[in-house]
C-alpha atoms as a PDB file:
ATOM      1  CA  MET A   1     -25.124  55.011 -63.550  1.00  0.00           C
ATOM      2  CA  LEU A   2     -21.725  52.431 -63.368  1.00  0.00           C
ATOM      3  CA  SER A   3     -22.253  49.034 -63.105  1.00  0.00           C
ATOM      4  CA  THR A   4     -19.223  46.491 -62.510  1.00  0.00           C
ATOM      5  CA  VAL A   5     -19.088  43.033 -64.685  1.00  0.00           C
ATOM      6  CA  THR A   6     -18.130  40.025 -62.748  1.00  0.00           C
ATOM      7  CA  SER A   7     -15.894  37.412 -63.555  1.00  0.00           C
ATOM      8  CA  LYS A   8     -18.943  35.324 -64.547  1.00  0.00           C
ATOM      9  CA  GLY A   9     -19.940  38.116 -66.700  1.00  0.00           C
ATOM     10  CA  GLN A  10     -22.822  39.258 -64.794  1.00  0.00           C
ATOM     11  CA  VAL A  11     -24.111  42.806 -64.301  1.00  0.00           C
ATOM     12  CA  THR A  12     -26.137  44.179 -61.351  1.00  0.00           C
ATOM     13  CA  ILE A  13     -28.837  46.551 -62.828  1.00  0.00           C
ATOM     14  CA  PRO A  14     -29.133  49.747 -60.410  1.00  0.00           C
ATOM     15  CA  LYS A  15     -31.980  49.786 -58.353  1.00  0.00           C
ATOM     16  CA  GLU A  16     -33.307  53.050 -59.740  1.00  0.00           C
ATOM     17  CA  ILE A  17     -33.216  51.411 -63.352  1.00  0.00           C
ATOM     18  CA  ARG A  18     -35.140  48.449 -61.839  1.00  0.00           C
ATOM     19  CA  ARG A  19     -37.338  50.921 -60.145  1.00  0.00           C
ATOM     20  CA  LEU A  20     -38.292  52.658 -63.343  1.00  0.00           C
ATOM     21  CA  MET A  21     -38.692  49.881 -65.537  1.00  0.00           C
ATOM     22  CA  ASN A  22     -40.518  48.010 -62.957  1.00  0.00           C
ATOM     23  CA  ILE A  23     -38.072  44.977 -63.062  1.00  0.00           C
ATOM     24  CA  LYS A  24     -38.582  42.231 -60.233  1.00  0.00           C
ATOM     25  CA  PRO A  25     -36.710  39.197 -59.189  1.00  0.00           C
ATOM     26  CA  LYS A  26     -37.074  36.529 -62.235  1.00  0.00           C
ATOM     27  CA  ASP A  27     -38.537  38.915 -64.596  1.00  0.00           C
ATOM     28  CA  LYS A  28     -36.822  38.753 -67.984  1.00  0.00           C
ATOM     29  CA  VAL A  29     -34.537  41.149 -69.759  1.00  0.00           C
ATOM     30  CA  ASP A  30     -33.207  41.528 -73.293  1.00  0.00           C
ATOM     31  CA  PHE A  31     -30.046  42.873 -74.392  1.00  0.00           C
ATOM     32  CA  VAL A  32     -30.528  44.630 -77.892  1.00  0.00           C
ATOM     33  CA  LEU A  33     -27.377  45.765 -79.837  1.00  0.00           C
ATOM     34  CA  ASP A  34     -28.249  49.088 -81.604  1.00  0.00           C
ATOM     35  CA  GLY A  35     -25.016  50.185 -83.240  1.00  0.00           C
ATOM     36  CA  ASP A  36     -22.254  50.703 -80.424  1.00  0.00           C
ATOM     37  CA  LYS A  37     -25.271  50.657 -77.813  1.00  0.00           C
ATOM     38  CA  VAL A  38     -26.633  48.158 -75.842  1.00  0.00           C
ATOM     39  CA  LEU A  39     -30.172  48.563 -74.668  1.00  0.00           C
ATOM     40  CA  LEU A  40     -31.812  46.522 -72.019  1.00  0.00           C
ATOM     41  CA  LYS A  41     -35.384  45.846 -72.436  1.00  0.00           C
ATOM     42  CA  HIS A  42     -37.936  44.187 -69.951  1.00  0.00           C
ATOM     43  CA  VAL A  43     -39.851  41.665 -71.316  1.00  0.00           C
ATOM     44  CA  LYS A  44     -43.326  40.830 -70.862  1.00  0.00           C
ATOM     45  CA  THR A  45     -44.415  37.224 -70.643  1.00  0.00           C
ATOM     46  CA  LEU A  46     -47.818  35.775 -71.186  1.00  0.00           C
ATOM     47  CA  LYS A  47     -47.849  35.313 -67.477  1.00  0.00           C
ATOM     48  CA  ASP A  48     -47.882  39.220 -66.960  1.00  0.00           C
ATOM     49  CA  PHE A  49     -50.783  39.862 -68.900  1.00  0.00           C
ATOM     50  CA  ARG A  50     -52.985  37.267 -67.109  1.00  0.00           C
ATOM     51  CA  GLY A  51     -56.062  39.226 -66.099  1.00  0.00           C
ATOM     52  CA  SER A  52     -55.282  42.414 -68.001  1.00  0.00           C
ATOM     53  CA  VAL A  53     -58.419  41.713 -70.082  1.00  0.00           C
ATOM     54  CA  PRO A  54     -61.971  41.603 -68.498  1.00  0.00           C
ATOM     55  CA  ASN A  55     -63.785  38.180 -69.210  1.00  0.00           C
ATOM     56  CA  LYS A  56     -67.088  38.519 -71.054  1.00  0.00           C
ATOM     57  CA  GLY A  57     -68.456  35.716 -69.536  1.00  0.00           C
ATOM     58  CA  ASN A  58     -70.195  33.996 -72.588  1.00  0.00           C
ATOM     59  CA  GLY A  59     -68.513  30.610 -72.071  1.00  0.00           C
ATOM     60  CA  ASN A  60     -67.137  30.396 -75.615  1.00  0.00           C
ATOM     61  CA  PHE A  61     -63.427  29.949 -75.796  1.00  0.00           C
ATOM     62  CA  GLN A  62     -62.940  31.120 -79.190  1.00  0.00           C
ATOM     63  CA  GLN A  63     -65.014  34.336 -79.094  1.00  0.00           C
ATOM     64  CA  GLU A  64     -63.233  34.775 -75.463  1.00  0.00           C
ATOM     65  CA  ARG A  65     -59.665  34.491 -77.013  1.00  0.00           C
ATOM     66  CA  ALA A  66     -60.583  36.649 -80.151  1.00  0.00           C
ATOM     67  CA  TYR A  67     -61.959  39.212 -77.906  1.00  0.00           C
ATOM     68  CA  SER A  68     -58.845  39.006 -75.463  1.00  0.00           C
ATOM     69  CA  ARG A  69     -56.486  39.221 -78.541  1.00  0.00           C
ATOM     70  CA  LYS A  70     -58.333  42.320 -79.634  1.00  0.00           C
ATOM     71  CA  ALA A  71     -58.320  44.298 -76.313  1.00  0.00           C
ATOM     72  CA  LYS A  72     -55.069  43.584 -75.479  1.00  0.00           C
ATOM     73  CA  SER A  73     -53.690  44.757 -79.055  1.00  0.00           C
ATOM     74  CA  LYS A  74     -55.157  48.135 -78.159  1.00  0.00           C
ATOM     75  CA  ILE A  75     -53.763  48.182 -74.706  1.00  0.00           C
ATOM     76  CA  ILE A  76     -50.252  47.214 -76.564  1.00  0.00           C
ATOM     77  CA  MET A  77     -50.570  49.600 -79.423  1.00  0.00           C
ATOM     78  CA  LYS A  78     -51.615  52.760 -77.062  1.00  0.00           C
ATOM     79  CA  GLU A  79     -48.308  51.622 -74.728  1.00  0.00           C
ATOM     80  CA  MET A  80     -46.111  52.114 -77.749  1.00  0.00           C
ATOM     81  CA  GLU A  81     -47.294  55.520 -79.031  1.00  0.00           C
END
């Protein structure tokens, strides 16, 4: 898919790519150099993960935080497979 660079150095990400990568307005993307290629990566922020791990509800912040980190790590590792 072709896209044209504007005089300000801006490029429009084609609609099909945005759809496939679930890129929405105000999302962050990263351009990564890979030899003679440039890769576009959709960057997830902490805001994207809000509500992704269920609350155990015991009221202990430290335990909740440790539980959430462990649970989210498992989800991310599975996505990376």
